[in-house]
């Protein structure tokens, strides 16, 4: 070897590492840092001179160092780790979120001589996610689709009034979340929010639950018990699944709404109640009323303000946002650091019809968290029914490409807006000119009417 050749090689390696925007450091078998690039200096606030020769845990003060050191796991298993998330405390004492990848370092003879860790500063990504969440969330409700944004705009106005609200929508769409949001935004927010599932109890028990009972009203009624209307005094009561109550209960409820008084079982003395009523159902009350199964006078009494929540299949553009929200939620609840879902998983979720709506999506992500130990949620972490052949006959291993998915989205959005290019573009979050270009690129067959009643 010519003199100085090793120095030139080390200098070249240092130059290469310093050109990388991600932090990189290597350690030997004693966990002492052997290289430390410029990005690592910038992210940690520690200089190369301070870092080299020091124990990595003294320099790279990460949330995983004490209990679940990512590099230690790689050294033990021999397997690289990608997309692990954590945070470090930099030299200024600031918390910095990072994404980590690790691998083994081997000598020329194949013997393990140490490990390498790369890490990316996620501060800007986290800030963007916070801004996105602030823009596209309301209380615990998440959505960026036009229908959800429209509902977000209505909620403060609805909350400011004291009118009775009817929320209709399929099971799993978040009707109780909307009811809670209305309460939390209202002047009644300091008072109780009480939810009652009207379908869960037979008439006799439901009557006692809603209106209360006096001691001796029936067997085992040894003392007075206030009903849910009384417990919600000054606040809000949610009558969930109101479409399932019996005709007799409909009559009693109508009197409460008309006169704002309740009569506990065994009492003849009406008790005034000051409570805002929100009703919710997964049934179509208009059809039930026409069929004579729901009282028309009660229907119009509870339908002063009417909200209809869409199924998840009708707002697929919200799925990525909901997935991010749920991943963050379960990371917090389960003390994990799952980075997110893979592109294949997201594509599979976007193709799914979600008969159980948001509740089903939440269950899917929760199950994936049980199976996924770290990194990204992959296809094998999904429930079995989401792993086989897709409804379109495409094997999961060859999931729909992003371009095919985009084509499907544009087609569905145009159909939903009856061909109106301007509304479709706004819903998709792109300009009208971009939409026209994509229509031409994909050769899409668009509705014969452009949404303004004009034929193309």
Protein backbone atom coordinates (compact mmCIF):
# COMPACT_ATOMS: atom_id res chain seq x y z
CA UNK A 1 0.00 0.00 0.00
CA UNK A 2 1.33 3.42 -0.90
CA UNK A 3 1.89 5.88 1.98
CA UNK A 4 -1.14 7.98 2.68
CA UNK A 5 -3.51 5.68 0.77
CA UNK A 6 -5.52 4.88 3.94
CA UNK A 7 -5.77 8.57 4.77
CA UNK A 8 -7.10 9.35 1.29
CA UNK A 9 -9.68 6.55 1.58
CA UNK A 10 -10.86 7.82 4.99
CA UNK A 11 -11.05 11.36 3.65
CA UNK A 12 -13.12 10.18 0.68
CA UNK A 13 -15.51 8.28 2.96
CA UNK A 14 -15.86 11.31 5.22
CA UNK A 15 -16.63 13.54 2.23
CA UNK A 16 -19.30 11.10 1.02
CA UNK A 17 -20.93 10.85 4.46
CA UNK A 18 -20.89 14.64 4.88
CA UNK A 19 -22.76 15.05 1.59
CA UNK A 20 -25.72 13.04 2.93
CA UNK A 21 -28.61 14.99 4.37
CA UNK A 22 -29.37 12.28 6.96
CA UNK A 23 -27.38 11.85 10.14
CA UNK A 24 -25.00 8.88 10.06
CA UNK A 25 -22.77 7.43 12.76
CA UNK A 26 -20.99 4.12 13.25
CA UNK A 27 -19.96 2.31 16.42
CA UNK A 28 -17.51 -0.45 17.22
CA UNK A 29 -18.29 -3.56 19.31
CA UNK A 30 -17.68 -1.50 22.46
CA UNK A 31 -20.43 0.98 21.42
CA UNK A 32 -17.96 3.80 20.92
CA UNK A 33 -18.60 6.12 17.99
CA UNK A 34 -16.09 5.75 15.14
CA UNK A 35 -17.62 8.08 12.51
CA UNK A 36 -20.05 10.97 12.82
CA UNK A 37 -21.13 12.95 9.76
CA UNK A 38 -22.00 16.63 9.39
CA UNK A 39 -25.78 16.05 9.36
CA UNK A 40 -25.43 14.15 12.66
CA UNK A 41 -23.64 17.22 14.08
CA UNK A 42 -26.43 19.49 12.90
CA UNK A 43 -29.28 17.34 14.23
CA UNK A 44 -27.74 16.48 17.62
CA UNK A 45 -25.84 19.72 18.23
CA UNK A 46 -22.74 17.64 19.10
CA UNK A 47 -19.48 18.17 17.17
CA UNK A 48 -17.63 15.35 15.48
CA UNK A 49 -14.66 15.85 17.77
CA UNK A 50 -16.90 15.49 20.84
CA UNK A 51 -18.69 12.45 19.46
CA UNK A 52 -15.89 10.23 18.15
CA UNK A 53 -14.60 7.93 20.88
CA UNK A 54 -17.62 8.56 23.12
CA UNK A 55 -20.27 5.98 23.98
CA UNK A 56 -23.17 6.41 21.57
CA UNK A 57 -25.71 6.62 24.41
CA UNK A 58 -23.86 9.67 25.78
CA UNK A 59 -24.08 11.44 22.41
CA UNK A 60 -27.20 10.06 20.74
CA UNK A 61 -29.67 10.59 23.59
CA UNK A 62 -32.68 8.84 22.11
CA UNK A 63 -35.95 7.74 23.71
CA UNK A 64 -35.03 4.16 22.73
CA UNK A 65 -31.53 4.09 24.30
CA UNK A 66 -32.51 2.80 27.73
CA UNK A 67 -35.08 0.14 26.87
CA UNK A 68 -35.30 -0.68 23.15
CA UNK A 69 -32.06 0.45 21.52
CA UNK A 70 -32.67 0.00 17.79
CA UNK A 71 -29.00 -0.62 16.99
CA UNK A 72 -28.75 -3.14 19.85
CA UNK A 73 -31.66 -5.07 18.33
CA UNK A 74 -29.82 -5.20 15.00
CA UNK A 75 -26.60 -6.33 16.68
CA UNK A 76 -28.50 -9.09 18.51
CA UNK A 77 -30.60 -10.31 15.58
CA UNK A 78 -28.26 -9.55 12.69
CA UNK A 79 -31.21 -8.01 10.84
CA UNK A 80 -31.37 -4.39 9.67
CA UNK A 81 -34.20 -2.19 10.91
CA UNK A 82 -35.85 0.53 8.83
CA UNK A 83 -38.40 3.23 9.60
CA UNK A 84 -38.21 2.98 13.38
CA UNK A 85 -39.34 6.23 14.99
CA UNK A 86 -38.09 7.84 18.19
CA UNK A 87 -36.88 11.19 19.43
CA UNK A 88 -33.57 12.50 20.72
CA UNK A 89 -32.70 15.32 23.07
CA UNK A 90 -30.19 17.56 21.30
CA UNK A 91 -27.35 19.52 22.91
CA UNK A 92 -29.73 22.43 23.59
CA UNK A 93 -32.12 20.18 25.50
CA UNK A 94 -34.72 20.27 22.69
CA UNK A 95 -36.81 17.24 21.72
CA UNK A 96 -36.18 16.25 18.07
CA UNK A 97 -38.37 13.57 16.41
CA UNK A 98 -36.38 11.22 14.17
CA UNK A 99 -36.74 8.20 11.89
CA UNK A 100 -34.02 5.54 12.27
CA UNK A 101 -32.47 2.80 10.12
CA UNK A 102 -29.74 0.42 11.30
CA UNK A 103 -27.41 -2.20 9.82
CA UNK A 104 -24.38 -4.29 10.77
CA UNK A 105 -20.82 -3.35 9.85
CA UNK A 106 -18.65 -6.28 8.75
CA UNK A 107 -14.93 -6.54 8.13
CA UNK A 108 -13.29 -7.98 5.03
CA UNK A 109 -13.42 -11.45 6.61
CA UNK A 110 -17.18 -11.16 7.22
CA UNK A 111 -16.77 -10.71 10.97
CA UNK A 112 -19.07 -8.16 12.64
CA UNK A 113 -16.99 -5.15 13.67
CA UNK A 114 -19.80 -2.76 14.68
CA UNK A 115 -22.99 -1.14 13.49
CA UNK A 116 -24.21 1.85 11.52
CA UNK A 117 -27.25 3.99 12.23
CA UNK A 118 -28.80 6.62 9.97
CA UNK A 119 -31.41 9.03 11.25
CA UNK A 120 -33.62 11.69 9.70
CA UNK A 121 -34.85 14.83 11.43
CA UNK A 122 -38.68 14.74 11.31
CA UNK A 123 -39.23 18.14 12.93
CA UNK A 124 -40.58 19.73 9.74
CA UNK A 125 -42.62 16.62 8.90
CA UNK A 126 -44.14 16.61 12.40
CA UNK A 127 -44.93 20.32 12.13
CA UNK A 128 -46.63 19.79 8.76
CA UNK A 129 -48.63 16.91 10.22
CA UNK A 130 -49.76 19.15 13.09
CA UNK A 131 -50.82 21.87 10.64
CA UNK A 132 -52.62 19.28 8.50
CA UNK A 133 -54.38 17.88 11.55
CA UNK A 134 -55.43 21.37 12.66
CA UNK A 135 -56.78 22.08 9.20
CA UNK A 136 -58.53 18.78 8.60
CA UNK A 137 -59.72 17.77 12.06
CA UNK A 138 -62.44 18.84 14.40
CA UNK A 139 -62.34 17.54 17.96
CA UNK A 140 -61.61 13.81 17.30
CA UNK A 141 -63.20 13.88 13.83
CA UNK A 142 -60.80 13.71 10.88
CA UNK A 143 -61.47 14.46 7.21
CA UNK A 144 -60.42 16.59 4.25
CA UNK A 145 -63.16 15.63 1.79
CA UNK A 146 -65.54 18.38 0.77
CA UNK A 147 -68.45 16.77 2.60
CA UNK A 148 -66.50 16.62 5.88
CA UNK A 149 -65.13 20.14 5.53
CA UNK A 150 -68.71 21.30 4.93
CA UNK A 151 -69.82 19.58 8.15
CA UNK A 152 -66.91 21.15 10.06
CA UNK A 153 -68.08 24.58 8.92
CA UNK A 154 -71.63 23.88 10.12
CA UNK A 155 -70.79 22.54 13.58
CA UNK A 156 -69.97 25.85 15.32
CA UNK A 157 -73.24 27.37 14.08
CA UNK A 158 -75.23 24.33 15.21
CA UNK A 159 -73.46 24.29 18.57
CA UNK A 160 -74.27 27.95 19.22
CA UNK A 161 -78.01 27.24 19.07
CA UNK A 162 -80.09 25.15 21.48
CA UNK A 163 -82.10 23.40 18.76
CA UNK A 164 -82.63 19.64 18.73
CA UNK A 165 -80.36 17.85 16.23
CA UNK A 166 -80.89 14.63 14.30
CA UNK A 167 -77.71 12.89 13.09
CA UNK A 168 -78.24 10.15 10.51
CA UNK A 169 -75.56 7.91 9.09
CA UNK A 170 -74.45 4.27 8.78
CA UNK A 171 -73.00 2.48 11.80
CA UNK A 172 -69.38 3.34 12.45
CA UNK A 173 -69.42 6.82 10.90
CA UNK A 174 -68.86 8.66 14.17
CA UNK A 175 -72.31 9.95 15.12
CA UNK A 176 -71.43 10.13 18.81
CA UNK A 177 -68.21 12.00 17.98
CA UNK A 178 -70.25 14.64 16.16
CA UNK A 179 -72.69 14.85 19.07
CA UNK A 180 -69.81 15.34 21.51
CA UNK A 181 -68.25 17.97 19.25
CA UNK A 182 -71.54 19.92 19.19
CA UNK A 183 -71.71 19.75 22.99
CA UNK A 184 -68.04 20.73 23.47
CA UNK A 185 -68.48 23.80 21.24
CA UNK A 186 -71.75 24.88 22.84
CA UNK A 187 -72.46 27.18 25.81
CA UNK A 188 -73.38 23.95 27.66
CA UNK A 189 -69.83 22.56 27.48
CA UNK A 190 -69.26 22.88 31.24
CA UNK A 191 -72.30 20.72 31.96
CA UNK A 192 -72.68 16.93 31.45
CA UNK A 193 -72.82 15.09 28.14
CA UNK A 194 -74.91 11.93 28.61
CA UNK A 195 -75.27 9.25 25.91
CA UNK A 196 -78.00 6.58 25.92
CA UNK A 197 -78.20 3.67 23.46
CA UNK A 198 -81.96 3.33 23.02
CA UNK A 199 -81.63 0.00 21.18
CA UNK A 200 -79.77 -1.69 24.04
CA UNK A 201 -82.66 -1.77 26.55
CA UNK A 202 -86.24 -3.06 26.56
CA UNK A 203 -89.01 -0.51 27.06
CA UNK A 204 -89.42 -0.88 30.82
CA UNK A 205 -85.71 -0.48 31.51
CA UNK A 206 -85.28 2.30 28.95
CA UNK A 207 -88.13 4.28 30.51
CA UNK A 208 -86.52 4.00 33.94
CA UNK A 209 -83.09 4.80 32.47
CA UNK A 210 -84.30 7.94 30.69
CA UNK A 211 -86.82 9.33 33.17
CA UNK A 212 -85.78 7.75 36.49
CA UNK A 213 -87.97 6.08 39.11
CA UNK A 214 -89.12 6.59 42.68
CA UNK A 215 -88.64 4.12 45.50
CA UNK A 216 -91.30 1.41 45.34
CA UNK A 217 -92.15 2.01 41.67
CA UNK A 218 -91.39 -1.67 41.00
CA UNK A 219 -89.73 -4.64 42.65
CA UNK A 220 -86.16 -3.88 43.79
CA UNK A 221 -86.71 -0.10 43.44
CA UNK A 222 -85.58 0.60 46.99
CA UNK A 223 -84.65 4.24 46.51
CA UNK A 224 -85.22 7.13 44.14
CA UNK A 225 -83.06 7.08 41.04
CA UNK A 226 -82.70 10.10 38.71
CA UNK A 227 -83.01 9.43 34.98
CA UNK A 228 -80.52 10.35 32.27
CA UNK A 229 -82.48 13.50 31.43
CA UNK A 230 -81.99 14.71 35.00
CA UNK A 231 -78.33 13.68 35.03
CA UNK A 232 -77.79 15.74 31.86
CA UNK A 233 -79.30 18.87 33.46
CA UNK A 234 -77.90 21.99 31.84
CA UNK A 235 -75.98 19.89 29.34
CA UNK A 236 -76.66 17.58 26.40
CA UNK A 237 -78.28 14.16 26.08
CA UNK A 238 -77.62 11.92 23.07
CA UNK A 239 -80.44 9.51 22.24
CA UNK A 240 -78.53 7.04 20.07
CA UNK A 241 -80.37 4.58 17.79
CA UNK A 242 -83.62 6.48 18.31
CA UNK A 243 -85.15 4.72 15.29
CA UNK A 244 -85.38 1.52 17.36
CA UNK A 245 -87.66 2.77 20.15
CA UNK A 246 -91.20 1.43 20.46
CA UNK A 247 -94.37 3.43 19.60
CA UNK A 248 -95.21 3.70 23.33
CA UNK A 249 -91.76 5.13 24.11
CA UNK A 250 -92.11 7.52 21.17
CA UNK A 251 -95.23 8.99 22.82
CA UNK A 252 -93.45 9.50 26.15
CA UNK A 253 -90.42 11.03 24.49
CA UNK A 254 -92.59 13.39 22.44
CA UNK A 255 -94.12 14.76 25.65
CA UNK A 256 -90.68 15.37 27.14
CA UNK A 257 -89.55 17.27 24.05
CA UNK A 258 -92.76 19.32 23.87
CA UNK A 259 -93.13 20.20 27.54
CA UNK A 260 -89.53 19.86 28.75
CA UNK A 261 -90.57 17.85 31.80
CA UNK A 262 -90.06 14.22 32.85
CA UNK A 263 -92.15 12.01 35.11
CA UNK A 264 -90.14 9.32 36.93
CA UNK A 265 -91.80 5.92 37.24
CA UNK A 266 -93.98 5.87 40.36
CA UNK A 267 -94.32 9.67 40.43
CA UNK A 268 -97.16 11.96 39.41
CA UNK A 269 -95.12 15.11 39.81
CA UNK A 270 -93.49 16.40 36.60
CA UNK A 271 -89.86 17.49 36.93
CA UNK A 272 -88.66 20.32 34.64
CA UNK A 273 -85.50 19.52 32.67
CA UNK A 274 -83.15 21.92 30.90
CA UNK A 275 -81.27 19.78 28.42
CA UNK A 276 -80.32 19.90 24.78
CA UNK A 277 -81.37 16.81 22.85
CA UNK A 278 -79.33 15.23 20.04
CA UNK A 279 -80.80 12.13 18.40
CA UNK A 280 -78.86 9.70 16.23
CA UNK A 281 -79.79 6.73 14.08
CA UNK A 282 -78.37 4.44 11.41
CA UNK A 283 -81.85 4.11 9.90
CA UNK A 284 -83.68 6.33 7.43
CA UNK A 285 -86.31 7.98 9.63
CA UNK A 286 -88.07 9.50 6.63
CA UNK A 287 -88.83 6.00 5.32
CA UNK A 288 -89.82 4.75 8.78
CA UNK A 289 -92.21 7.70 9.15
CA UNK A 290 -93.81 7.05 5.75
CA UNK A 291 -94.19 3.38 6.68
CA UNK A 292 -95.97 4.36 9.91
CA UNK A 293 -93.22 2.89 12.12
CA UNK A 294 -92.09 6.22 13.53
CA UNK A 295 -94.37 9.04 14.69
CA UNK A 296 -94.41 11.94 12.28
CA UNK A 297 -94.82 14.54 15.06
CA UNK A 298 -91.79 13.13 16.92
CA UNK A 299 -89.80 13.00 13.69
CA UNK A 300 -90.27 16.69 13.02
CA UNK A 301 -89.66 17.51 16.70
CA UNK A 302 -86.19 15.94 16.65
CA UNK A 303 -85.34 16.95 13.07
CA UNK A 304 -84.99 20.70 13.69
CA UNK A 305 -81.38 20.52 12.55
CA UNK A 306 -80.43 17.56 10.36
CA UNK A 307 -76.94 16.17 9.70
CA UNK A 308 -76.22 13.24 7.40
CA UNK A 309 -72.85 11.53 7.81
CA UNK A 310 -71.42 9.74 4.76
CA UNK A 311 -70.03 6.21 4.78
CA UNK A 312 -66.26 5.89 4.44
CA UNK A 313 -66.57 4.47 0.91
CA UNK A 314 -68.08 7.83 -0.12
CA UNK A 315 -65.12 9.80 1.20
CA UNK A 316 -62.14 7.62 0.33
CA UNK A 317 -59.86 10.65 0.10
CA UNK A 318 -60.07 10.82 3.92
CA UNK A 319 -58.58 7.33 4.39
CA UNK A 320 -54.86 8.37 4.35
CA UNK A 321 -55.59 11.10 6.89
CA UNK A 322 -57.58 8.72 9.08
CA UNK A 323 -54.80 6.12 8.90
CA UNK A 324 -52.21 8.68 10.07
CA UNK A 325 -54.57 9.74 12.88
CA UNK A 326 -55.13 6.13 14.00
CA UNK A 327 -51.43 5.23 13.81
CA UNK A 328 -50.63 8.22 16.05
CA UNK A 329 -53.45 7.24 18.41
CA UNK A 330 -52.33 3.62 18.83
CA UNK A 331 -48.66 4.62 19.11
CA UNK A 332 -49.72 6.76 22.06
CA UNK A 333 -52.01 4.15 23.64
CA UNK A 334 -49.68 1.19 23.17
CA UNK A 335 -46.37 3.02 23.65
CA UNK A 336 -45.11 1.94 20.24
CA UNK A 337 -43.21 3.68 17.44
CA UNK A 338 -44.89 2.38 14.27
CA UNK A 339 -43.88 4.71 11.44
CA UNK A 340 -47.06 4.24 9.39
CA UNK A 341 -48.35 1.92 6.68
CA UNK A 342 -46.61 0.81 3.50
CA UNK A 343 -47.80 1.98 0.07
CA UNK A 344 -49.21 -1.51 -0.59
CA UNK A 345 -51.24 -1.40 2.62
CA UNK A 346 -52.56 2.08 1.89
CA UNK A 347 -53.53 1.00 -1.62
CA UNK A 348 -55.34 -2.04 -0.23
CA UNK A 349 -57.21 0.10 2.29
CA UNK A 350 -58.18 2.57 -0.42
CA UNK A 351 -59.68 -0.28 -2.47
CA UNK A 352 -61.69 -1.73 0.42
CA UNK A 353 -65.41 -0.86 0.62
CA UNK A 354 -65.52 -0.55 4.45
CA UNK A 355 -69.03 -1.78 5.31
CA UNK A 356 -68.12 -1.00 8.94
CA UNK A 357 -66.89 2.50 8.04
CA UNK A 358 -64.43 4.35 10.31
CA UNK A 359 -64.96 1.85 13.15
CA UNK A 360 -63.87 -0.96 10.83
CA UNK A 361 -60.76 0.98 9.75
CA UNK A 362 -59.91 1.58 13.40
CA UNK A 363 -60.23 -2.15 14.15
CA UNK A 364 -57.99 -2.99 11.17
CA UNK A 365 -55.24 -0.62 12.33
CA UNK A 366 -55.52 -1.83 15.93
CA UNK A 367 -55.12 -5.46 14.81
CA UNK A 368 -52.13 -4.49 12.66
CA UNK A 369 -50.53 -2.90 15.73
CA UNK A 370 -50.79 -6.23 17.56
CA UNK A 371 -48.91 -8.03 14.77
CA UNK A 372 -46.43 -5.27 13.79
CA UNK A 373 -43.49 -4.98 16.19
CA UNK A 374 -41.88 -1.97 14.57
CA UNK A 375 -41.22 -0.10 11.34
CA UNK A 376 -44.07 0.01 8.85
CA UNK A 377 -47.37 -1.89 8.83
CA UNK A 378 -47.16 -4.37 5.92
CA UNK A 379 -49.77 -6.47 4.06
CA UNK A 380 -49.11 -9.50 6.30
CA UNK A 381 -50.19 -7.41 9.32
CA UNK A 382 -53.68 -6.86 7.90
CA UNK A 383 -56.66 -9.10 8.78
CA UNK A 384 -56.84 -12.28 6.62
CA UNK A 385 -59.85 -11.05 4.65
CA UNK A 386 -57.78 -8.11 3.37
CA UNK A 387 -54.83 -10.22 2.26
CA UNK A 388 -56.30 -12.53 -0.46
CA UNK A 389 -57.44 -11.65 -3.98
CA UNK A 390 -58.86 -8.16 -4.14
CA UNK A 391 -62.46 -7.55 -5.30
CA UNK A 392 -61.07 -6.48 -8.66
CA UNK A 393 -59.29 -9.83 -9.10
CA UNK A 394 -55.82 -8.41 -8.54
CA UNK A 395 -53.54 -10.47 -6.26
CA UNK A 396 -52.57 -8.51 -3.17
CA UNK A 397 -48.92 -8.98 -4.00
CA UNK A 398 -49.62 -7.05 -7.21
CA UNK A 399 -51.83 -4.37 -5.66
CA UNK A 400 -53.22 -1.60 -7.76
CA UNK A 401 -50.54 0.92 -8.79
CA UNK A 402 -50.71 4.51 -7.60
CA UNK A 403 -51.51 5.68 -11.14
CA UNK A 404 -54.39 3.19 -11.38
CA UNK A 405 -55.59 4.31 -7.98
CA UNK A 406 -55.44 7.95 -9.08
CA UNK A 407 -57.42 7.09 -12.20
CA UNK A 408 -60.08 5.36 -10.08
CA UNK A 409 -60.26 8.36 -7.73
CA UNK A 410 -60.69 10.89 -10.53
CA UNK A 411 -63.40 8.80 -12.19
CA UNK A 412 -65.36 8.35 -8.96
CA UNK A 413 -65.03 12.03 -8.03
CA UNK A 414 -66.25 13.19 -11.44
CA UNK A 415 -69.24 10.86 -11.20
CA UNK A 416 -70.00 12.08 -7.67
CA UNK A 417 -70.09 15.68 -8.92
CA UNK A 418 -72.04 14.83 -12.09
CA UNK A 419 -69.11 15.80 -14.29
CA UNK A 420 -68.54 19.25 -12.74
CA UNK A 421 -64.79 19.72 -13.32
CA UNK A 422 -64.40 22.66 -10.93
CA UNK A 423 -66.01 20.88 -7.97
CA UNK A 424 -64.20 17.63 -8.74
CA UNK A 425 -60.84 19.43 -8.89
CA UNK A 426 -61.54 21.16 -5.57
CA UNK A 427 -62.48 17.82 -4.01
CA UNK A 428 -59.28 16.21 -5.33
CA UNK A 429 -57.13 19.13 -4.18
CA UNK A 430 -55.81 19.94 -7.66
CA UNK A 431 -56.31 22.73 -10.19
CA UNK A 432 -58.90 22.45 -12.97
CA UNK A 433 -56.15 22.53 -15.61
CA UNK A 434 -54.35 19.65 -13.86
CA UNK A 435 -57.62 17.71 -13.78
CA UNK A 436 -58.14 18.21 -17.54
CA UNK A 437 -54.57 17.07 -18.18
CA UNK A 438 -55.05 13.90 -16.12
CA UNK A 439 -58.37 13.17 -17.86
CA UNK A 440 -56.55 13.32 -21.21
CA UNK A 441 -53.52 11.36 -19.92
CA UNK A 442 -55.64 8.49 -18.60
CA UNK A 443 -58.15 8.66 -21.46
CA UNK A 444 -61.03 8.82 -19.01
CA UNK A 445 -64.61 8.55 -20.19
CA UNK A 446 -66.31 11.40 -18.35
CA UNK A 447 -70.06 12.04 -17.82
CA UNK A 448 -71.78 13.51 -20.93
CA UNK A 449 -72.85 16.57 -18.92
CA UNK A 450 -70.15 18.83 -17.47
CA UNK A 451 -72.03 19.61 -14.26
CA UNK A 452 -73.49 22.91 -15.46
CA UNK A 453 -76.17 21.21 -17.52
CA UNK A 454 -74.13 21.61 -20.72
CA UNK A 455 -73.22 18.72 -22.95
CA UNK A 456 -69.60 18.33 -23.94
